[in-house]
Amino acid sequence: MYQTFVRIGKKFFSEETIFKVGFNISPMYRRSTGRLTEVSKGLLKVKIRIPISYKNRNYVGTIYGGSLYSATDPIYMVQLINILGNDYVVWDKSAEIKYKRPAKKVAFAIFEFTNQEIENIKERVSKEKEIDLIKNINITGPNDEVYCELSKVIYIADKKYFKEKRKAKKLPK
């Protein structure tokens, strides 16, 4: 459904606008309470904002940790799917979050790739066929205080290789 929306939307809007609006109106992302506030040309940089509200305030009055995580969870994967294009398979493989201090105010996160990083990913995948990419990000407050540190492992593979690998793993009937 989302890919169809993107394909049709690209006829009328920029990729950045579709990415931002698509996330912000998506029911699955809206429930996280996070909102994309900025998406750069080429999708290399995405900024999110997680306000504190009755929807995500926990028992002690701070932002619920699950809300902090869920607002960050899909960004890197969907960002890479769109940057790399149809010749690659991209999946979130694992994540680790370390809470450092309670989020008593609005939270922010910046998801960023450089052009060099994207070229390195493509080069590694062309040689190795599949890789695990580790990305680290901080979720911070208004004064750059770190609320939590997040580490994501993202699986990236050559699409042809991935399909052949899946076929090979199927057992005969």
N, C-alpha and C. Protein backbone atom coordinates (compact mmCIF):
# COMPACT_ATOMS: atom_id res chain seq x y z
N MET A 1 0.81 -1.19 0.00
CA MET A 1 0.00 0.00 0.00
C MET A 1 0.86 1.27 0.00
N TYR A 2 1.87 1.31 0.88
CA TYR A 2 2.71 2.50 0.98
C TYR A 2 3.52 2.72 -0.30
N GLN A 3 4.02 1.63 -0.88
CA GLN A 3 4.81 1.77 -2.11
C GLN A 3 3.94 2.27 -3.26
N THR A 4 2.68 1.88 -3.31
CA THR A 4 1.77 2.38 -4.33
C THR A 4 1.55 3.88 -4.14
N PHE A 5 1.35 4.30 -2.90
CA PHE A 5 1.18 5.71 -2.58
C PHE A 5 2.40 6.51 -3.07
N VAL A 6 3.58 5.99 -2.81
CA VAL A 6 4.82 6.67 -3.21
C VAL A 6 4.91 6.75 -4.74
N ARG A 7 4.64 5.65 -5.41
CA ARG A 7 4.73 5.62 -6.87
C ARG A 7 3.80 6.64 -7.51
N ILE A 8 2.58 6.73 -7.03
CA ILE A 8 1.61 7.70 -7.56
C ILE A 8 2.01 9.12 -7.15
N GLY A 9 2.39 9.28 -5.91
CA GLY A 9 2.75 10.60 -5.38
C GLY A 9 3.92 11.25 -6.10
N LYS A 10 4.88 10.44 -6.58
CA LYS A 10 6.06 10.97 -7.26
C LYS A 10 5.71 11.71 -8.54
N LYS A 11 4.52 11.47 -9.07
CA LYS A 11 4.08 12.19 -10.28
C LYS A 11 3.71 13.63 -9.95
N PHE A 12 3.42 13.92 -8.67
CA PHE A 12 2.93 15.23 -8.30
C PHE A 12 3.81 15.97 -7.28
N PHE A 13 4.57 15.22 -6.48
CA PHE A 13 5.33 15.83 -5.39
C PHE A 13 6.77 15.35 -5.40
N SER A 14 7.63 16.09 -4.70
CA SER A 14 9.03 15.68 -4.57
C SER A 14 9.13 14.46 -3.66
N GLU A 15 10.20 13.73 -3.82
CA GLU A 15 10.45 12.54 -3.00
C GLU A 15 10.51 12.91 -1.51
N GLU A 16 11.09 14.07 -1.22
CA GLU A 16 11.22 14.52 0.17
C GLU A 16 9.85 14.80 0.79
N THR A 17 8.98 15.44 0.02
CA THR A 17 7.64 15.76 0.51
C THR A 17 6.84 14.48 0.76
N ILE A 18 6.93 13.54 -0.17
CA ILE A 18 6.22 12.27 -0.02
C ILE A 18 6.71 11.53 1.22
N PHE A 19 8.02 11.50 1.42
CA PHE A 19 8.61 10.82 2.57
C PHE A 19 8.10 11.43 3.87
N LYS A 20 8.16 12.76 3.96
CA LYS A 20 7.75 13.46 5.18
C LYS A 20 6.25 13.31 5.43
N VAL A 21 5.45 13.64 4.45
CA VAL A 21 4.00 13.58 4.61
C VAL A 21 3.54 12.13 4.81
N GLY A 22 4.14 11.22 4.04
CA GLY A 22 3.77 9.81 4.16
C GLY A 22 3.97 9.27 5.56
N PHE A 23 5.12 9.58 6.15
CA PHE A 23 5.36 9.15 7.54
C PHE A 23 4.39 9.83 8.49
N ASN A 24 4.23 11.13 8.33
CA ASN A 24 3.43 11.88 9.29
C ASN A 24 1.93 11.57 9.25
N ILE A 25 1.43 11.04 8.13
CA ILE A 25 0.01 10.67 8.09
C ILE A 25 -0.21 9.16 8.25
N SER A 26 0.86 8.39 8.21
CA SER A 26 0.75 6.94 8.36
C SER A 26 0.25 6.58 9.76
N PRO A 27 -0.83 5.81 9.85
CA PRO A 27 -1.35 5.43 11.18
C PRO A 27 -0.32 4.72 12.05
N MET A 28 0.49 3.86 11.45
CA MET A 28 1.48 3.14 12.27
C MET A 28 2.53 4.09 12.85
N TYR A 29 2.90 5.12 12.11
CA TYR A 29 3.90 6.06 12.64
C TYR A 29 3.26 7.10 13.56
N ARG A 30 2.07 7.54 13.26
CA ARG A 30 1.39 8.54 14.10
C ARG A 30 1.26 8.06 15.54
N ARG A 31 1.04 6.76 15.72
CA ARG A 31 0.87 6.22 17.08
C ARG A 31 2.15 6.34 17.91
N SER A 32 3.29 6.49 17.25
CA SER A 32 4.54 6.65 17.99
C SER A 32 4.64 8.03 18.63
N THR A 33 3.86 8.96 18.16
CA THR A 33 3.82 10.39 18.52
C THR A 33 4.97 11.18 17.90
N GLY A 34 5.88 10.52 17.20
CA GLY A 34 6.97 11.23 16.52
C GLY A 34 6.46 11.88 15.24
N ARG A 35 7.12 12.95 14.83
CA ARG A 35 6.79 13.62 13.58
C ARG A 35 8.07 13.99 12.85
N LEU A 36 8.11 13.74 11.56
CA LEU A 36 9.24 14.18 10.75
C LEU A 36 9.10 15.69 10.56
N THR A 37 10.16 16.42 10.87
CA THR A 37 10.11 17.87 10.75
C THR A 37 10.93 18.37 9.57
N GLU A 38 11.89 17.57 9.14
CA GLU A 38 12.74 17.99 8.03
C GLU A 38 13.25 16.76 7.29
N VAL A 39 13.21 16.84 5.96
CA VAL A 39 13.76 15.79 5.11
C VAL A 39 14.56 16.48 4.02
N SER A 40 15.85 16.17 3.93
CA SER A 40 16.71 16.83 2.96
C SER A 40 16.52 16.26 1.56
N LYS A 41 17.01 16.99 0.58
CA LYS A 41 17.00 16.51 -0.80
C LYS A 41 17.78 15.21 -0.86
N GLY A 42 17.24 14.23 -1.54
CA GLY A 42 17.90 12.93 -1.63
C GLY A 42 17.70 12.05 -0.41
N LEU A 43 16.94 12.52 0.57
CA LEU A 43 16.61 11.78 1.80
C LEU A 43 17.82 11.44 2.66
N LEU A 44 18.93 12.12 2.48
CA LEU A 44 20.13 11.80 3.24
C LEU A 44 20.05 12.22 4.71
N LYS A 45 19.19 13.18 5.01
CA LYS A 45 19.06 13.66 6.39
C LYS A 45 17.58 13.80 6.73
N VAL A 46 17.20 13.19 7.85
CA VAL A 46 15.82 13.25 8.33
C VAL A 46 15.86 13.65 9.80
N LYS A 47 15.08 14.67 10.14
CA LYS A 47 14.97 15.10 11.54
C LYS A 47 13.57 14.78 12.04
N ILE A 48 13.53 14.27 13.28
CA ILE A 48 12.22 14.00 13.89
C ILE A 48 12.11 14.73 15.22
N ARG A 49 10.87 14.93 15.62
CA ARG A 49 10.53 15.58 16.88
C ARG A 49 9.52 14.69 17.59
N ILE A 50 9.74 14.46 18.87
CA ILE A 50 8.83 13.65 19.68
C ILE A 50 8.36 14.52 20.85
N PRO A 51 7.17 15.10 20.72
CA PRO A 51 6.70 15.97 21.82
C PRO A 51 6.25 15.13 23.01
N ILE A 52 6.26 15.72 24.16
CA ILE A 52 5.69 15.04 25.33
C ILE A 52 4.21 15.45 25.41
N SER A 53 3.35 14.46 25.51
CA SER A 53 1.91 14.74 25.54
C SER A 53 1.20 13.65 26.34
N TYR A 54 -0.08 13.80 26.48
CA TYR A 54 -0.87 12.79 27.19
C TYR A 54 -0.80 11.44 26.48
N LYS A 55 -0.48 11.43 25.20
CA LYS A 55 -0.43 10.18 24.43
C LYS A 55 0.81 9.34 24.74
N ASN A 56 1.88 9.97 25.22
CA ASN A 56 3.10 9.22 25.45
C ASN A 56 3.73 9.46 26.83
N ARG A 57 3.01 10.14 27.68
CA ARG A 57 3.53 10.41 29.03
C ARG A 57 3.35 9.15 29.88
N ASN A 58 4.40 8.74 30.55
CA ASN A 58 4.32 7.52 31.36
C ASN A 58 3.91 7.82 32.80
N TYR A 59 3.96 6.82 33.63
CA TYR A 59 3.49 6.90 35.02
C TYR A 59 4.20 7.99 35.82
N VAL A 60 5.48 8.24 35.52
CA VAL A 60 6.24 9.25 36.27
C VAL A 60 6.33 10.60 35.55
N GLY A 61 5.57 10.75 34.46
CA GLY A 61 5.47 12.05 33.80
C GLY A 61 6.51 12.35 32.73
N THR A 62 7.26 11.34 32.31
CA THR A 62 8.24 11.55 31.25
C THR A 62 7.78 10.82 29.98
N ILE A 63 8.51 11.02 28.87
CA ILE A 63 8.13 10.34 27.64
C ILE A 63 8.39 8.84 27.80
N TYR A 64 7.37 8.06 27.53
CA TYR A 64 7.43 6.60 27.59
C TYR A 64 8.57 6.12 26.67
N GLY A 65 9.41 5.24 27.18
CA GLY A 65 10.56 4.74 26.41
C GLY A 65 10.16 4.07 25.12
N GLY A 66 9.05 3.36 25.11
CA GLY A 66 8.58 2.71 23.89
C GLY A 66 8.21 3.71 22.82
N SER A 67 7.74 4.88 23.22
CA SER A 67 7.42 5.94 22.27
C SER A 67 8.71 6.50 21.66
N LEU A 68 9.74 6.67 22.47
CA LEU A 68 11.03 7.13 21.96
C LEU A 68 11.57 6.15 20.93
N TYR A 69 11.49 4.86 21.26
CA TYR A 69 12.01 3.86 20.34
C TYR A 69 11.15 3.76 19.07
N SER A 70 9.84 3.68 19.22
CA SER A 70 8.99 3.47 18.05
C SER A 70 9.03 4.64 17.08
N ALA A 71 9.30 5.84 17.57
CA ALA A 71 9.41 7.01 16.68
C ALA A 71 10.69 6.96 15.86
N THR A 72 11.68 6.19 16.31
CA THR A 72 12.95 6.10 15.58
C THR A 72 13.06 4.80 14.78
N ASP A 73 12.29 3.81 15.14
CA ASP A 73 12.44 2.47 14.58
C ASP A 73 12.46 2.39 13.05
N PRO A 74 11.48 2.92 12.34
CA PRO A 74 11.45 2.65 10.89
C PRO A 74 12.29 3.58 10.03
N ILE A 75 12.82 4.64 10.58
CA ILE A 75 13.40 5.70 9.75
C ILE A 75 14.58 5.22 8.91
N TYR A 76 15.62 4.69 9.54
CA TYR A 76 16.81 4.27 8.77
C TYR A 76 16.46 3.28 7.66
N MET A 77 15.63 2.29 7.98
CA MET A 77 15.30 1.26 6.99
C MET A 77 14.59 1.87 5.78
N VAL A 78 13.55 2.65 6.02
CA VAL A 78 12.79 3.23 4.91
C VAL A 78 13.63 4.26 4.17
N GLN A 79 14.45 4.98 4.89
CA GLN A 79 15.38 5.94 4.28
C GLN A 79 16.29 5.22 3.29
N LEU A 80 16.90 4.12 3.72
CA LEU A 80 17.81 3.36 2.85
C LEU A 80 17.09 2.70 1.67
N ILE A 81 15.91 2.18 1.90
CA ILE A 81 15.14 1.58 0.81
C ILE A 81 14.97 2.59 -0.31
N ASN A 82 14.64 3.82 0.06
CA ASN A 82 14.41 4.86 -0.93
C ASN A 82 15.70 5.40 -1.55
N ILE A 83 16.76 5.50 -0.77
CA ILE A 83 18.04 6.00 -1.29
C ILE A 83 18.68 4.98 -2.23
N LEU A 84 18.70 3.71 -1.82
CA LEU A 84 19.39 2.68 -2.60
C LEU A 84 18.61 2.24 -3.83
N GLY A 85 17.31 2.21 -3.75
CA GLY A 85 16.50 1.84 -4.91
C GLY A 85 16.16 0.36 -4.96
N ASN A 86 15.60 -0.05 -6.09
CA ASN A 86 15.01 -1.38 -6.24
C ASN A 86 15.99 -2.54 -6.40
N ASP A 87 17.27 -2.26 -6.52
CA ASP A 87 18.24 -3.35 -6.69
C ASP A 87 18.73 -3.91 -5.36
N TYR A 88 18.17 -3.42 -4.27
CA TYR A 88 18.63 -3.83 -2.93
C TYR A 88 17.46 -4.27 -2.06
N VAL A 89 17.77 -5.15 -1.12
CA VAL A 89 16.84 -5.56 -0.08
C VAL A 89 17.36 -4.95 1.22
N VAL A 90 16.49 -4.28 1.96
CA VAL A 90 16.87 -3.62 3.21
C VAL A 90 15.89 -4.04 4.30
N TRP A 91 16.43 -4.51 5.42
CA TRP A 91 15.60 -4.91 6.56
C TRP A 91 16.26 -4.45 7.86
N ASP A 92 15.44 -4.06 8.82
CA ASP A 92 15.95 -3.87 10.18
C ASP A 92 16.25 -5.25 10.72
N LYS A 93 17.41 -5.40 11.29
CA LYS A 93 17.81 -6.72 11.80
C LYS A 93 17.74 -6.76 13.33
N SER A 94 18.24 -5.70 13.96
CA SER A 94 18.16 -5.64 15.42
C SER A 94 18.36 -4.20 15.87
N ALA A 95 18.05 -3.98 17.13
CA ALA A 95 18.22 -2.65 17.71
C ALA A 95 18.51 -2.79 19.19
N GLU A 96 19.24 -1.82 19.69
CA GLU A 96 19.51 -1.75 21.12
C GLU A 96 19.34 -0.31 21.54
N ILE A 97 18.63 -0.10 22.62
CA ILE A 97 18.42 1.26 23.12
C ILE A 97 18.90 1.30 24.56
N LYS A 98 19.69 2.33 24.85
CA LYS A 98 20.19 2.53 26.22
C LYS A 98 19.66 3.87 26.71
N TYR A 99 18.81 3.79 27.72
CA TYR A 99 18.22 5.01 28.29
C TYR A 99 19.24 5.65 29.22
N LYS A 100 19.46 6.94 29.03
CA LYS A 100 20.46 7.66 29.81
C LYS A 100 19.84 8.57 30.88
N ARG A 101 18.72 9.21 30.52
CA ARG A 101 18.01 10.09 31.46
C ARG A 101 16.58 10.22 31.03
N PRO A 102 15.69 10.54 31.96
CA PRO A 102 14.28 10.68 31.61
C PRO A 102 14.06 11.83 30.62
N ALA A 103 13.18 11.61 29.67
CA ALA A 103 12.83 12.64 28.67
C ALA A 103 11.68 13.46 29.24
N LYS A 104 12.02 14.57 29.88
CA LYS A 104 11.01 15.41 30.52
C LYS A 104 10.50 16.50 29.58
N LYS A 105 11.18 16.67 28.46
CA LYS A 105 10.79 17.69 27.47
C LYS A 105 10.78 17.04 26.09
N VAL A 106 10.47 17.81 25.10
CA VAL A 106 10.44 17.33 23.73
C VAL A 106 11.77 16.64 23.38
N ALA A 107 11.70 15.60 22.54
CA ALA A 107 12.90 14.87 22.12
C ALA A 107 13.10 15.03 20.62
N PHE A 108 14.36 14.90 20.20
CA PHE A 108 14.74 15.06 18.80
C PHE A 108 15.72 13.96 18.39
N ALA A 109 15.73 13.64 17.11
CA ALA A 109 16.74 12.73 16.57
C ALA A 109 17.00 13.12 15.12
N ILE A 110 18.25 12.92 14.69
CA ILE A 110 18.64 13.21 13.32
C ILE A 110 19.23 11.94 12.72
N PHE A 111 18.65 11.50 11.60
CA PHE A 111 19.09 10.30 10.88
C PHE A 111 19.83 10.78 9.64
N GLU A 112 21.10 10.42 9.55
CA GLU A 112 21.90 11.01 8.48
C GLU A 112 22.81 9.99 7.80
N PHE A 113 22.86 10.11 6.48
CA PHE A 113 23.81 9.37 5.66
C PHE A 113 24.58 10.38 4.82
N THR A 114 25.84 10.11 4.57
CA THR A 114 26.60 10.94 3.65
C THR A 114 26.61 10.25 2.29
N ASN A 115 26.90 11.01 1.25
CA ASN A 115 27.04 10.41 -0.08
C ASN A 115 28.14 9.36 -0.08
N GLN A 116 29.21 9.61 0.64
CA GLN A 116 30.32 8.65 0.72
C GLN A 116 29.86 7.37 1.41
N GLU A 117 29.07 7.49 2.45
CA GLU A 117 28.56 6.32 3.15
C GLU A 117 27.68 5.47 2.23
N ILE A 118 26.85 6.11 1.43
CA ILE A 118 25.99 5.39 0.49
C ILE A 118 26.84 4.68 -0.56
N GLU A 119 27.86 5.35 -1.06
CA GLU A 119 28.77 4.71 -2.03
C GLU A 119 29.49 3.52 -1.41
N ASN A 120 29.91 3.66 -0.15
CA ASN A 120 30.58 2.54 0.55
C ASN A 120 29.62 1.36 0.72
N ILE A 121 28.37 1.63 1.03
CA ILE A 121 27.38 0.57 1.17
C ILE A 121 27.23 -0.17 -0.15
N LYS A 122 27.06 0.57 -1.24
CA LYS A 122 26.90 -0.04 -2.56
C LYS A 122 28.12 -0.87 -2.95
N GLU A 123 29.29 -0.34 -2.66
CA GLU A 123 30.54 -1.04 -2.97
C GLU A 123 30.66 -2.34 -2.17
N ARG A 124 30.37 -2.27 -0.87
CA ARG A 124 30.44 -3.46 -0.02
C ARG A 124 29.45 -4.52 -0.48
N VAL A 125 28.21 -4.09 -0.79
CA VAL A 125 27.19 -5.05 -1.22
C VAL A 125 27.58 -5.68 -2.56
N SER A 126 28.18 -4.91 -3.46
CA SER A 126 28.59 -5.48 -4.75
C SER A 126 29.67 -6.55 -4.55
N LYS A 127 30.52 -6.39 -3.55
CA LYS A 127 31.58 -7.37 -3.26
C LYS A 127 31.09 -8.53 -2.40
N GLU A 128 30.35 -8.21 -1.33
CA GLU A 128 29.98 -9.20 -0.33
C GLU A 128 28.58 -9.78 -0.52
N LYS A 129 27.77 -9.16 -1.36
CA LYS A 129 26.38 -9.55 -1.67
C LYS A 129 25.39 -9.24 -0.56
N GLU A 130 25.80 -9.29 0.68
CA GLU A 130 24.94 -8.92 1.80
C GLU A 130 25.81 -8.41 2.94
N ILE A 131 25.32 -7.40 3.64
CA ILE A 131 26.08 -6.81 4.74
C ILE A 131 25.14 -6.46 5.89
N ASP A 132 25.72 -6.29 7.05
CA ASP A 132 25.04 -5.72 8.20
C ASP A 132 25.66 -4.35 8.45
N LEU A 133 24.85 -3.33 8.43
CA LEU A 133 25.30 -1.96 8.66
C LEU A 133 24.86 -1.56 10.06
N ILE A 134 25.77 -1.00 10.83
CA ILE A 134 25.45 -0.53 12.18
C ILE A 134 25.39 0.99 12.15
N LYS A 135 24.25 1.52 12.60
CA LYS A 135 24.08 2.97 12.70
C LYS A 135 23.75 3.31 14.15
N ASN A 136 24.42 4.33 14.66
CA ASN A 136 24.19 4.80 16.02
C ASN A 136 23.59 6.19 15.98
N ILE A 137 22.67 6.45 16.89
CA ILE A 137 22.00 7.74 16.93
C ILE A 137 21.65 8.06 18.37
N ASN A 138 21.65 9.34 18.69
CA ASN A 138 21.21 9.79 20.01
C ASN A 138 19.84 10.44 19.89
N ILE A 139 18.99 10.17 20.86
CA ILE A 139 17.74 10.89 20.99
C ILE A 139 18.00 11.91 22.08
N THR A 140 17.84 13.19 21.73
CA THR A 140 18.25 14.27 22.61
C THR A 140 17.09 15.18 22.98
N GLY A 141 17.37 16.05 23.96
CA GLY A 141 16.42 17.07 24.37
C GLY A 141 16.75 18.40 23.72
N PRO A 142 16.02 19.44 24.10
CA PRO A 142 16.21 20.76 23.48
C PRO A 142 17.60 21.35 23.67
N ASN A 143 18.27 20.98 24.74
CA ASN A 143 19.63 21.50 25.01
C ASN A 143 20.69 20.45 24.72
N ASP A 144 20.40 19.55 23.81
CA ASP A 144 21.30 18.48 23.39
C ASP A 144 21.65 17.47 24.48
N GLU A 145 20.87 17.45 25.58
CA GLU A 145 21.08 16.42 26.59
C GLU A 145 20.62 15.08 25.99
N VAL A 146 21.39 14.04 26.21
CA VAL A 146 21.09 12.75 25.60
C VAL A 146 20.11 11.98 26.48
N TYR A 147 18.93 11.72 25.94
CA TYR A 147 17.92 10.91 26.63
C TYR A 147 18.24 9.44 26.48
N CYS A 148 18.63 9.05 25.27
CA CYS A 148 19.00 7.65 25.05
C CYS A 148 19.88 7.52 23.82
N GLU A 149 20.63 6.41 23.81
CA GLU A 149 21.49 6.06 22.68
C GLU A 149 20.87 4.86 22.00
N LEU A 150 20.79 4.91 20.69
CA LEU A 150 20.17 3.85 19.91
C LEU A 150 21.18 3.30 18.92
N SER A 151 21.27 1.99 18.84
CA SER A 151 22.12 1.32 17.86
C SER A 151 21.24 0.40 17.03
N LYS A 152 21.29 0.56 15.71
CA LYS A 152 20.48 -0.24 14.80
C LYS A 152 21.40 -1.07 13.90
N VAL A 153 21.03 -2.32 13.70
CA VAL A 153 21.72 -3.16 12.72
C VAL A 153 20.76 -3.33 11.55
N ILE A 154 21.22 -2.93 10.38
CA ILE A 154 20.39 -2.94 9.17
C ILE A 154 21.01 -3.91 8.18
N TYR A 155 20.22 -4.86 7.72
CA TYR A 155 20.64 -5.85 6.74
C TYR A 155 20.42 -5.25 5.35
N ILE A 156 21.45 -5.31 4.50
CA ILE A 156 21.35 -4.81 3.13
C ILE A 156 21.94 -5.89 2.22
N ALA A 157 21.19 -6.23 1.17
CA ALA A 157 21.66 -7.27 0.24
C ALA A 157 21.33 -6.89 -1.20
N ASP A 158 22.11 -7.47 -2.10
CA ASP A 158 21.80 -7.39 -3.52
C ASP A 158 20.50 -8.17 -3.73
N LYS A 159 19.53 -7.58 -4.42
CA LYS A 159 18.21 -8.20 -4.55
C LYS A 159 18.28 -9.54 -5.27
N LYS A 160 19.07 -9.65 -6.33
CA LYS A 160 19.18 -10.91 -7.07
C LYS A 160 19.78 -12.00 -6.17
N TYR A 161 20.83 -11.64 -5.46
CA TYR A 161 21.47 -12.58 -4.53
C TYR A 161 20.48 -13.03 -3.46
N PHE A 162 19.72 -12.09 -2.91
CA PHE A 162 18.76 -12.38 -1.86
C PHE A 162 17.70 -13.37 -2.34
N LYS A 163 17.19 -13.15 -3.54
CA LYS A 163 16.16 -14.04 -4.10
C LYS A 163 16.73 -15.45 -4.31
N GLU A 164 17.94 -15.54 -4.84
CA GLU A 164 18.57 -16.85 -5.03
C GLU A 164 18.83 -17.54 -3.70
N LYS A 165 19.25 -16.80 -2.73
CA LYS A 165 19.51 -17.35 -1.40
C LYS A 165 18.22 -17.92 -0.80
N ARG A 166 17.12 -17.20 -0.96
CA ARG A 166 15.82 -17.68 -0.45
C ARG A 166 15.38 -18.94 -1.18
N LYS A 167 15.58 -18.98 -2.50
CA LYS A 167 15.22 -20.18 -3.28
C LYS A 167 16.03 -21.38 -2.81
N ALA A 168 17.31 -21.17 -2.58
CA ALA A 168 18.20 -22.25 -2.17
C ALA A 168 17.82 -22.82 -0.81
N LYS A 169 17.24 -22.02 0.06
CA LYS A 169 16.88 -22.47 1.40
C LYS A 169 15.55 -23.23 1.44
N LYS A 170 14.77 -23.16 0.37
CA LYS A 170 13.50 -23.87 0.34
C LYS A 170 13.77 -25.37 0.23
N LEU A 171 13.09 -26.11 1.03
CA LEU A 171 13.25 -27.57 1.00
C LEU A 171 12.37 -28.18 -0.08
N PRO A 172 12.86 -29.24 -0.72
CA PRO A 172 12.01 -29.90 -1.73
C PRO A 172 10.81 -30.55 -1.05
N LYS A 173 9.71 -30.65 -1.84
CA LYS A 173 8.48 -31.23 -1.29
C LYS A 173 8.58 -32.72 -1.13
